[in-house]
Amino acid sequence: SKKLENHIGAIWYFIHHYNASLQL
């Protein structure tokens, strides 16, 4: 569903930026 896709996208976005912050 569209709602599920948005939820997965939000999780991926959070993880991506969280990992990027760890590399600083």
Protein backbone atom coordinates (compact mmCIF):
# COMPACT_ATOMS: atom_id res chain seq x y z
CA SER A 1 0.00 0.00 0.00
CA LYS A 2 1.05 3.63 -0.39
CA LYS A 3 1.10 4.10 3.38
CA LEU A 4 3.46 1.15 3.81
CA GLU A 5 5.80 2.51 1.13
CA ASN A 6 5.93 5.87 2.91
CA HIS A 7 6.73 4.13 6.19
CA ILE A 8 9.57 2.11 4.66
CA GLY A 9 10.89 5.24 2.95
CA ALA A 10 10.92 7.11 6.26
CA ILE A 11 12.83 4.28 7.96
CA TRP A 12 15.38 4.11 5.11
CA TYR A 13 15.80 7.89 5.20
CA PHE A 14 16.41 7.83 8.97
CA ILE A 15 18.91 4.95 8.77
CA HIS A 16 20.75 6.54 5.84
CA HIS A 17 21.26 9.85 7.63
CA TYR A 18 21.98 8.16 10.96
CA ASN A 19 24.76 6.11 9.37
CA ALA A 20 26.10 9.21 7.61
CA SER A 21 26.27 11.06 10.93
CA LEU A 22 28.29 8.21 12.44
CA GLN A 23 30.92 8.60 9.74
CA LEU A 24 31.61 12.24 10.61
